[in-house]
């Protein structure tokens, strides 16, 4: 199936207390150029995300945007520095003794201790980077699936348009093939008429007429070009029906079609054929523009 290089895909999922959103956008490019933008804290997963993009696309400028919002407090751990707390507690008891027991032992020791420096420490919980990377990649795969689906839809439209234009080129080629022999016959008649006019009553050398007509026919013959042109059209159809990325091959082959069209135009001095060639080249140019969008 032909795919366009232009597409968009988005996926959002809540996984393990994180709201993960991934957006994928792509435009035409000669080669695959992938750019990933994500929070610095999750940069370790960048290579894994790029690897997924490389599996999904072979050409195009692909931009991946990853956002992560934490929903829970499980990312932080509050710990008690027990040795320090015991030291504070012992010091407070000593002060109580030194005061002769005048200090009242209340129920606020815990909150009092919590206010003292370094008794409570808040640290970020250790994360399972492999698991987190898998979560990010899972959402990325969903976004890439949507992205690929859009590219496939666009590719189907492109292929349909190109196939229609190939049929038009084939019909124009048939007109050239039908008209070419007529130009030789018309040239022979014109040549005979001119020689009769010049020589008037003298006998016209029929052999000379045949020789000149043969030389002209060889000069304007486009059989080889039209055969190659039809062969290129068949190859283009086969490529469009294949399931592989064929953008570069199509681009090369359409250049060959254009070359054959130019050769036909340069060989034929007939006005009708020249008009057909103009139409043919216009169709080729439209196909060339469409091919630039195909992966």
Protein backbone atom coordinates (compact mmCIF):
# COMPACT_ATOMS: atom_id res chain seq x y z
CA UNK A 1 0.00 0.00 0.00
CA UNK A 2 1.30 3.41 -0.99
CA UNK A 3 1.72 5.84 1.90
CA UNK A 4 2.09 9.59 1.93
CA UNK A 5 4.96 11.15 3.86
CA UNK A 6 2.57 13.73 5.29
CA UNK A 7 0.54 12.71 8.32
CA UNK A 8 -0.48 13.29 11.92
CA UNK A 9 -1.17 10.97 14.83
CA UNK A 10 -1.96 11.50 18.50
CA UNK A 11 -2.40 9.21 21.50
CA UNK A 12 -3.05 9.84 25.19
CA UNK A 13 -3.13 7.32 27.99
CA UNK A 14 -2.79 7.28 31.78
CA UNK A 15 -0.25 4.68 32.83
CA UNK A 16 1.12 4.05 36.35
CA UNK A 17 0.06 7.44 37.68
CA UNK A 18 1.28 9.39 34.64
CA UNK A 19 -0.73 11.11 31.95
CA UNK A 20 1.27 10.49 28.76
CA UNK A 21 0.50 12.28 25.49
CA UNK A 22 2.38 11.65 22.23
CA UNK A 23 1.90 13.59 18.99
CA UNK A 24 3.52 12.62 15.68
CA UNK A 25 3.71 14.97 12.72
CA UNK A 26 5.49 14.42 9.42
CA UNK A 27 6.13 16.23 6.14
CA UNK A 28 8.02 15.45 2.95
CA UNK A 29 11.74 14.87 3.11
CA UNK A 30 14.24 13.06 0.92
CA UNK A 31 15.41 10.87 3.80
CA UNK A 32 14.10 9.94 7.24
CA UNK A 33 14.77 12.75 9.71
CA UNK A 34 13.32 12.10 13.16
CA UNK A 35 13.21 14.67 15.95
CA UNK A 36 11.92 13.83 19.46
CA UNK A 37 10.98 16.49 22.00
CA UNK A 38 10.24 15.32 25.55
CA UNK A 39 10.81 16.42 29.16
CA UNK A 40 14.44 16.27 30.21
CA UNK A 41 13.60 13.81 33.00
CA UNK A 42 12.53 11.24 30.39
CA UNK A 43 15.25 11.81 27.82
CA UNK A 44 16.57 8.29 28.48
CA UNK A 45 13.68 6.94 26.37
CA UNK A 46 14.50 9.06 23.30
CA UNK A 47 16.42 6.33 21.44
CA UNK A 48 13.63 3.82 22.02
CA UNK A 49 11.06 6.27 20.61
CA UNK A 50 13.24 6.95 17.55
CA UNK A 51 13.59 3.22 16.96
CA UNK A 52 9.80 2.92 16.80
CA UNK A 53 9.63 5.76 14.28
CA UNK A 54 12.23 4.05 12.09
CA UNK A 55 10.07 0.92 12.02
CA UNK A 56 6.99 2.91 11.06
CA UNK A 57 8.43 5.25 8.42
CA UNK A 58 11.29 5.08 5.93
CA UNK A 59 11.21 8.68 4.64
CA UNK A 60 9.99 12.08 5.77
CA UNK A 61 10.66 14.73 8.39
CA UNK A 62 9.04 13.24 11.49
CA UNK A 63 8.57 15.26 14.69
CA UNK A 64 7.51 13.48 17.89
CA UNK A 65 6.26 15.48 20.87
CA UNK A 66 5.98 13.72 24.25
CA UNK A 67 4.43 15.28 27.35
CA UNK A 68 4.19 13.59 30.75
CA UNK A 69 2.10 14.82 33.69
CA UNK A 70 2.40 13.09 37.07
CA UNK A 71 -0.93 12.51 38.76
CA UNK A 72 0.07 10.94 42.09
CA UNK A 73 2.42 11.56 44.98
CA UNK A 74 4.07 8.19 44.71
CA UNK A 75 7.01 9.79 42.97
CA UNK A 76 8.25 11.26 46.29
CA UNK A 77 9.25 9.51 49.50
CA UNK A 78 9.23 11.17 52.93
CA UNK A 79 11.76 9.51 55.25
CA UNK A 80 12.58 10.02 58.93
CA UNK A 81 16.19 10.51 59.91
CA UNK A 82 15.80 8.33 62.98
CA UNK A 83 19.31 8.77 64.46
CA UNK A 84 18.96 12.53 64.24
CA UNK A 85 15.42 12.45 65.64
CA UNK A 86 16.58 10.31 68.61
CA UNK A 87 19.39 12.78 69.28
CA UNK A 88 16.93 15.67 69.23
CA UNK A 89 14.59 13.75 71.52
CA UNK A 90 17.38 12.94 73.96
CA UNK A 91 18.41 16.58 73.98
CA UNK A 92 14.85 17.68 74.70
CA UNK A 93 14.61 15.22 77.61
CA UNK A 94 17.88 16.51 78.98
CA UNK A 95 16.54 20.04 78.84
CA UNK A 96 13.45 18.81 80.73
CA UNK A 97 15.67 17.37 83.46
CA UNK A 98 17.81 20.47 83.67
CA UNK A 99 14.67 22.55 84.06
CA UNK A 100 13.77 20.52 87.09
CA UNK A 101 10.75 19.00 85.47
CA UNK A 102 9.02 22.31 84.94
CA UNK A 103 8.69 21.70 81.22
CA UNK A 104 5.48 19.92 80.45
CA UNK A 105 5.74 16.78 78.34
CA UNK A 106 2.91 17.24 75.84
CA UNK A 107 1.53 15.42 72.85
CA UNK A 108 3.31 17.63 70.35
CA UNK A 109 6.73 16.05 70.42
CA UNK A 110 6.25 14.54 66.95
CA UNK A 111 5.26 17.79 65.29
CA UNK A 112 7.94 19.65 67.22
CA UNK A 113 10.56 17.20 66.08
CA UNK A 114 9.31 17.38 62.49
CA UNK A 115 10.05 21.09 62.45
CA UNK A 116 13.66 20.59 63.42
CA UNK A 117 16.25 20.68 60.60
CA UNK A 118 16.83 17.48 58.62
CA UNK A 119 14.54 15.27 60.71
CA UNK A 120 12.31 14.69 57.69
CA UNK A 121 13.81 14.23 54.23
CA UNK A 122 11.84 14.30 51.00
CA UNK A 123 13.40 12.37 48.15
CA UNK A 124 12.25 11.24 44.75
CA UNK A 125 11.39 7.58 44.60
CA UNK A 126 13.61 5.37 42.52
CA UNK A 127 11.96 4.72 39.19
CA UNK A 128 11.99 1.62 37.09
CA UNK A 129 13.41 3.21 33.95
CA UNK A 130 12.78 0.14 31.85
CA UNK A 131 9.12 0.07 32.84
CA UNK A 132 8.73 3.81 32.30
CA UNK A 133 10.36 3.55 28.88
CA UNK A 134 7.94 0.77 28.00
CA UNK A 135 5.00 2.99 29.02
CA UNK A 136 6.24 5.84 26.84
CA UNK A 137 6.84 3.50 23.91
CA UNK A 138 3.39 1.98 24.29
CA UNK A 139 1.70 5.36 23.87
CA UNK A 140 4.11 6.24 21.06
CA UNK A 141 3.10 3.09 19.19
CA UNK A 142 -0.55 4.12 19.42
CA UNK A 143 0.28 7.56 18.02
CA UNK A 144 2.34 6.02 15.22
CA UNK A 145 -0.54 3.68 14.36
CA UNK A 146 -2.85 6.67 13.94
CA UNK A 147 -0.11 8.46 12.01
CA UNK A 148 0.35 5.49 9.65
CA UNK A 149 -3.40 5.20 9.09
CA UNK A 150 -3.60 8.82 7.98
CA UNK A 151 -0.61 8.40 5.68
CA UNK A 152 -2.21 5.30 4.18
CA UNK A 153 -5.44 7.19 3.45
CA UNK A 154 -3.50 10.00 1.80
CA UNK A 155 -1.38 7.48 -0.10
CA UNK A 156 -4.47 5.76 -1.46
CA UNK A 157 -5.69 9.07 -2.88
CA UNK A 158 -2.29 9.80 -4.40
CA UNK A 159 -2.10 6.35 -5.98
CA UNK A 160 -5.57 6.71 -7.45
CA UNK A 161 -4.72 10.07 -8.97
CA UNK A 162 -1.45 8.79 -10.44
CA UNK A 163 -3.07 5.66 -11.89
CA UNK A 164 -5.67 7.82 -13.61
CA UNK A 165 -2.96 10.01 -15.12
CA UNK A 166 -1.03 6.92 -16.27
CA UNK A 167 -4.12 5.85 -18.20
CA UNK A 168 -4.23 9.31 -19.79
CA UNK A 169 -0.56 9.08 -20.78
CA UNK A 170 -1.15 5.65 -22.28
CA UNK A 171 -4.04 7.01 -24.35
CA UNK A 172 -1.88 9.92 -25.52
CA UNK A 173 0.89 7.49 -26.45
CA UNK A 174 -1.58 5.53 -28.57
CA UNK A 175 -2.46 8.75 -30.40
CA UNK A 176 1.21 9.35 -31.15
CA UNK A 177 1.62 5.79 -32.42
CA UNK A 178 -1.42 6.15 -34.66
CA UNK A 179 -0.39 9.53 -36.02
CA UNK A 180 3.31 8.81 -36.65
CA UNK A 181 2.84 6.62 -39.79
CA UNK A 182 0.45 9.21 -41.22
CA UNK A 183 3.13 11.88 -41.01
CA UNK A 184 5.42 9.76 -43.21
CA UNK A 185 2.67 9.26 -45.82
CA UNK A 186 1.85 12.98 -45.78
CA UNK A 187 5.53 13.85 -46.17
CA UNK A 188 5.78 11.50 -49.18
CA UNK A 189 2.75 13.13 -50.80
CA UNK A 190 4.09 16.63 -50.19
CA UNK A 191 7.49 15.67 -51.56
CA UNK A 192 5.92 14.16 -54.67
CA UNK A 193 3.77 17.23 -55.19
CA UNK A 194 6.76 19.56 -54.91
CA UNK A 195 8.87 17.53 -57.32
CA UNK A 196 6.00 17.43 -59.81
CA UNK A 197 5.68 21.18 -59.48
CA UNK A 198 9.36 21.77 -60.03
CA UNK A 199 9.83 19.26 -62.83
CA UNK A 200 6.39 19.87 -64.32
CA UNK A 201 6.29 17.70 -67.42
CA UNK A 202 9.43 15.72 -66.61
CA UNK A 203 9.14 12.25 -65.18
CA UNK A 204 9.47 12.09 -61.40
CA UNK A 205 11.98 9.57 -60.06
CA UNK A 206 9.81 7.32 -57.88
CA UNK A 207 12.90 5.70 -56.39
CA UNK A 208 14.16 9.04 -55.18
CA UNK A 209 10.80 9.73 -53.60
CA UNK A 210 10.87 6.42 -51.76
CA UNK A 211 14.43 7.04 -50.57
CA UNK A 212 13.60 10.48 -49.20
CA UNK A 213 10.48 9.16 -47.52
CA UNK A 214 12.46 6.32 -45.94
CA UNK A 215 15.05 8.76 -44.60
CA UNK A 216 12.28 10.93 -43.16
CA UNK A 217 10.51 7.94 -41.65
CA UNK A 218 13.69 6.84 -39.94
CA UNK A 219 14.26 10.35 -38.63
CA UNK A 220 10.81 10.74 -37.10
CA UNK A 221 10.28 7.14 -35.99
CA UNK A 222 9.25 7.00 -32.33
CA UNK A 223 8.55 3.27 -32.04
CA UNK A 224 11.42 2.69 -29.62
CA UNK A 225 10.38 5.60 -27.44
CA UNK A 226 6.72 4.58 -27.26
CA UNK A 227 7.65 0.97 -26.45
CA UNK A 228 9.88 2.12 -23.61
CA UNK A 229 7.21 4.56 -22.50
CA UNK A 230 4.61 1.81 -22.25
CA UNK A 231 7.09 -0.36 -20.35
CA UNK A 232 7.67 2.46 -17.85
CA UNK A 233 3.92 2.88 -17.38
CA UNK A 234 3.54 -0.83 -16.59
CA UNK A 235 6.38 -0.63 -14.05
CA UNK A 236 4.80 2.40 -12.40
CA UNK A 237 1.52 0.53 -11.99
CA UNK A 238 3.30 -2.47 -10.46
CA UNK A 239 5.13 -0.24 -8.00
CA UNK A 240 1.94 1.49 -6.93
CA UNK A 241 0.34 -1.88 -6.23
CA UNK A 242 3.26 -3.17 -4.18
CA UNK A 243 3.26 -2.82 -0.40
CA UNK A 244 6.78 -1.43 -0.15
CA UNK A 245 7.99 2.19 0.07
CA UNK A 246 8.51 3.07 -3.58
CA UNK A 247 8.74 6.86 -3.57
CA UNK A 248 12.35 7.04 -4.74
CA UNK A 249 11.83 4.42 -7.45
CA UNK A 250 8.74 6.23 -8.69
CA UNK A 251 10.66 9.50 -8.78
CA UNK A 252 13.43 7.94 -10.89
CA UNK A 253 11.04 6.20 -13.27
CA UNK A 254 8.90 9.28 -13.86
CA UNK A 255 12.08 11.07 -14.93
CA UNK A 256 12.57 8.34 -17.54
CA UNK A 257 8.99 8.85 -18.73
CA UNK A 258 9.68 12.55 -19.07
CA UNK A 259 12.86 11.82 -21.03
CA UNK A 260 11.00 9.63 -23.53
CA UNK A 261 8.35 12.33 -23.90
CA UNK A 262 11.01 14.93 -24.68
CA UNK A 263 12.59 12.64 -27.27
CA UNK A 264 9.26 12.10 -29.00
CA UNK A 265 8.67 15.83 -29.07
CA UNK A 266 12.11 16.56 -30.53
CA UNK A 267 11.73 13.93 -33.27
CA UNK A 268 8.28 14.86 -34.48
CA UNK A 269 7.71 18.06 -36.42
CA UNK A 270 4.04 17.30 -36.88
CA UNK A 271 1.77 19.89 -35.27
CA UNK A 272 -0.79 17.37 -34.05
CA UNK A 273 1.85 15.16 -32.42
CA UNK A 274 3.44 18.25 -30.85
CA UNK A 275 0.13 19.10 -29.22
CA UNK A 276 -0.22 15.56 -27.92
CA UNK A 277 3.31 15.70 -26.49
CA UNK A 278 2.46 18.94 -24.66
CA UNK A 279 -0.51 17.21 -23.02
CA UNK A 280 1.62 14.18 -22.23
CA UNK A 281 4.34 16.25 -20.56
CA UNK A 282 1.73 18.14 -18.54
CA UNK A 283 0.45 14.84 -17.14
CA UNK A 284 3.99 13.69 -16.40
CA UNK A 285 4.70 16.88 -14.47
CA UNK A 286 1.55 16.45 -12.38
CA UNK A 287 2.57 12.89 -11.57
CA UNK A 288 6.07 14.05 -10.65
CA UNK A 289 4.59 16.52 -8.15
CA UNK A 290 2.43 13.80 -6.59
CA UNK A 291 5.34 11.37 -6.37
CA UNK A 292 7.22 13.86 -4.18
CA UNK A 293 4.63 13.16 -1.46
CA UNK A 294 4.97 9.37 -1.55
CA UNK A 295 7.10 7.51 0.99
